[in-house]
Amino acid sequence: MTEEQARELGRKSGREAGPGLVTFWYKKFDLENTIKAIGKVGMLGLDCRMEENEDQVTAYVDALPSSTLLPPLKLVTKTPR
């Protein structure tokens, strides 16, 4: 899967699964419940900080790199000449 294909899959999942998840947990899809759902990231043991202003809500999630998200490292050995 290319990086662009992975990004598109993420966008599609967010559009389709996100509202369904919020509705499942809180019975109503609205901004307040969406913010609550984003806050559930803390259940994974990750720090989640949100900043609000009159135009947007920004969520910052600190996560460690996952070996399942990154390609395996390729070890390179060089022999002296």
C-alpha atoms as a PDB file:
ATOM      1  CA  MET A   1       0.000   0.000   0.000  1.00  0.00           C
ATOM      2  CA  THR A   2       1.404   3.370  -0.930  1.00  0.00           C
ATOM      3  CA  GLU A   3       1.517   6.278   1.511  1.00  0.00           C
ATOM      4  CA  GLU A   4      -1.184   8.101  -0.463  1.00  0.00           C
ATOM      5  CA  GLN A   5      -3.430   5.005  -0.401  1.00  0.00           C
ATOM      6  CA  ALA A   6      -2.962   4.770   3.379  1.00  0.00           C
ATOM      7  CA  ARG A   7      -3.832   8.459   3.770  1.00  0.00           C
ATOM      8  CA  GLU A   8      -6.974   8.050   1.658  1.00  0.00           C
ATOM      9  CA  LEU A   9      -8.007   4.999   3.698  1.00  0.00           C
ATOM     10  CA  GLY A  10      -7.577   7.059   6.871  1.00  0.00           C
ATOM     11  CA  ARG A  11      -9.640   9.932   5.445  1.00  0.00           C
ATOM     12  CA  LYS A  12     -12.401   7.529   4.373  1.00  0.00           C
ATOM     13  CA  SER A  13     -12.413   5.804   7.770  1.00  0.00           C
ATOM     14  CA  GLY A  14     -12.657   9.157   9.524  1.00  0.00           C
ATOM     15  CA  ARG A  15     -15.557  10.264   7.348  1.00  0.00           C
ATOM     16  CA  GLU A  16     -17.484   7.011   7.668  1.00  0.00           C
ATOM     17  CA  ALA A  17     -16.517   5.351  10.955  1.00  0.00           C
ATOM     18  CA  GLY A  18     -15.905   8.447  13.082  1.00  0.00           C
ATOM     19  CA  PRO A  19     -19.505   9.708  13.191  1.00  0.00           C
ATOM     20  CA  GLY A  20     -20.778   6.165  13.779  1.00  0.00           C
ATOM     21  CA  LEU A  21     -18.435   5.684  16.716  1.00  0.00           C
ATOM     22  CA  VAL A  22     -19.426   9.002  18.311  1.00  0.00           C
ATOM     23  CA  THR A  23     -23.105   8.156  17.839  1.00  0.00           C
ATOM     24  CA  PHE A  24     -22.604   4.684  19.327  1.00  0.00           C
ATOM     25  CA  TRP A  25     -20.917   6.059  22.454  1.00  0.00           C
ATOM     26  CA  TYR A  26     -23.006   9.198  22.991  1.00  0.00           C
ATOM     27  CA  LYS A  27     -26.227   8.598  20.990  1.00  0.00           C
ATOM     28  CA  LYS A  28     -25.862  11.941  19.184  1.00  0.00           C
ATOM     29  CA  PHE A  29     -23.270  13.189  16.686  1.00  0.00           C
ATOM     30  CA  ASP A  30     -22.384  16.768  17.533  1.00  0.00           C
ATOM     31  CA  LEU A  31     -19.275  18.837  18.300  1.00  0.00           C
ATOM     32  CA  GLU A  32     -19.403  18.332  22.062  1.00  0.00           C
ATOM     33  CA  ASN A  33     -19.662  14.550  21.774  1.00  0.00           C
ATOM     34  CA  THR A  34     -16.953  14.444  19.112  1.00  0.00           C
ATOM     35  CA  ILE A  35     -14.593  16.287  21.467  1.00  0.00           C
ATOM     36  CA  LYS A  36     -15.427  13.789  24.219  1.00  0.00           C
ATOM     37  CA  ALA A  37     -14.635  10.918  21.846  1.00  0.00           C
ATOM     38  CA  ILE A  38     -11.273  12.438  20.905  1.00  0.00           C
ATOM     39  CA  GLY A  39     -10.513  12.653  24.617  1.00  0.00           C
ATOM     40  CA  LYS A  40     -10.939   8.879  24.885  1.00  0.00           C
ATOM     41  CA  VAL A  41      -7.498   8.578  23.306  1.00  0.00           C
ATOM     42  CA  GLY A  42      -6.301   8.889  26.939  1.00  0.00           C
ATOM     43  CA  MET A  43      -7.692   5.330  27.423  1.00  0.00           C
ATOM     44  CA  LEU A  44      -4.744   4.160  25.332  1.00  0.00           C
ATOM     45  CA  GLY A  45      -2.322   5.727  27.760  1.00  0.00           C
ATOM     46  CA  LEU A  46      -1.476   8.572  25.372  1.00  0.00           C
ATOM     47  CA  ASP A  47      -1.436  12.259  26.158  1.00  0.00           C
ATOM     48  CA  CYS A  48      -4.183  14.180  24.381  1.00  0.00           C
ATOM     49  CA  ARG A  49      -4.292  17.966  24.596  1.00  0.00           C
ATOM     50  CA  MET A  50      -7.007  20.039  22.938  1.00  0.00           C
ATOM     51  CA  GLU A  51      -6.991  23.703  22.086  1.00  0.00           C
ATOM     52  CA  GLU A  52     -10.162  25.552  21.168  1.00  0.00           C
ATOM     53  CA  ASN A  53     -10.751  28.884  19.516  1.00  0.00           C
ATOM     54  CA  GLU A  54     -13.810  30.350  17.883  1.00  0.00           C
ATOM     55  CA  ASP A  55     -13.102  28.677  14.529  1.00  0.00           C
ATOM     56  CA  GLN A  56     -11.649  25.274  15.309  1.00  0.00           C
ATOM     57  CA  VAL A  57     -10.666  22.600  17.789  1.00  0.00           C
ATOM     58  CA  THR A  58      -7.180  21.141  17.491  1.00  0.00           C
ATOM     59  CA  ALA A  59      -6.244  17.868  19.191  1.00  0.00           C
ATOM     60  CA  TYR A  60      -2.616  17.008  19.844  1.00  0.00           C
ATOM     61  CA  VAL A  61      -1.868  13.349  20.538  1.00  0.00           C
ATOM     62  CA  ASP A  62       1.598  12.301  21.644  1.00  0.00           C
ATOM     63  CA  ALA A  63       2.252   8.770  20.538  1.00  0.00           C
ATOM     64  CA  LEU A  64       5.316   6.599  20.325  1.00  0.00           C
ATOM     65  CA  PRO A  65       6.200   5.329  16.857  1.00  0.00           C
ATOM     66  CA  SER A  66       4.571   1.990  16.205  1.00  0.00           C
ATOM     67  CA  SER A  67       6.405  -0.841  14.509  1.00  0.00           C
ATOM     68  CA  THR A  68       3.149  -1.727  12.757  1.00  0.00           C
ATOM     69  CA  LEU A  69       2.956   1.736  11.176  1.00  0.00           C
ATOM     70  CA  LEU A  70       6.554   2.005  10.054  1.00  0.00           C
ATOM     71  CA  PRO A  71       8.345  -0.178   7.521  1.00  0.00           C
ATOM     72  CA  PRO A  72      10.984  -2.457   9.018  1.00  0.00           C
ATOM     73  CA  LEU A  73      14.430  -0.960   9.300  1.00  0.00           C
ATOM     74  CA  LYS A  74      16.962  -2.317   6.867  1.00  0.00           C
ATOM     75  CA  LEU A  75      20.319  -2.989   8.459  1.00  0.00           C
ATOM     76  CA  VAL A  76      23.253  -1.940   6.346  1.00  0.00           C
ATOM     77  CA  THR A  77      26.708  -3.210   7.103  1.00  0.00           C
ATOM     78  CA  LYS A  78      29.795  -1.784   5.455  1.00  0.00           C
ATOM     79  CA  THR A  79      33.022  -3.649   5.226  1.00  0.00           C
ATOM     80  CA  PRO A  80      36.236  -1.653   5.358  1.00  0.00           C
ATOM     81  CA  ARG A  81      38.244  -1.574   2.136  1.00  0.00           C
END
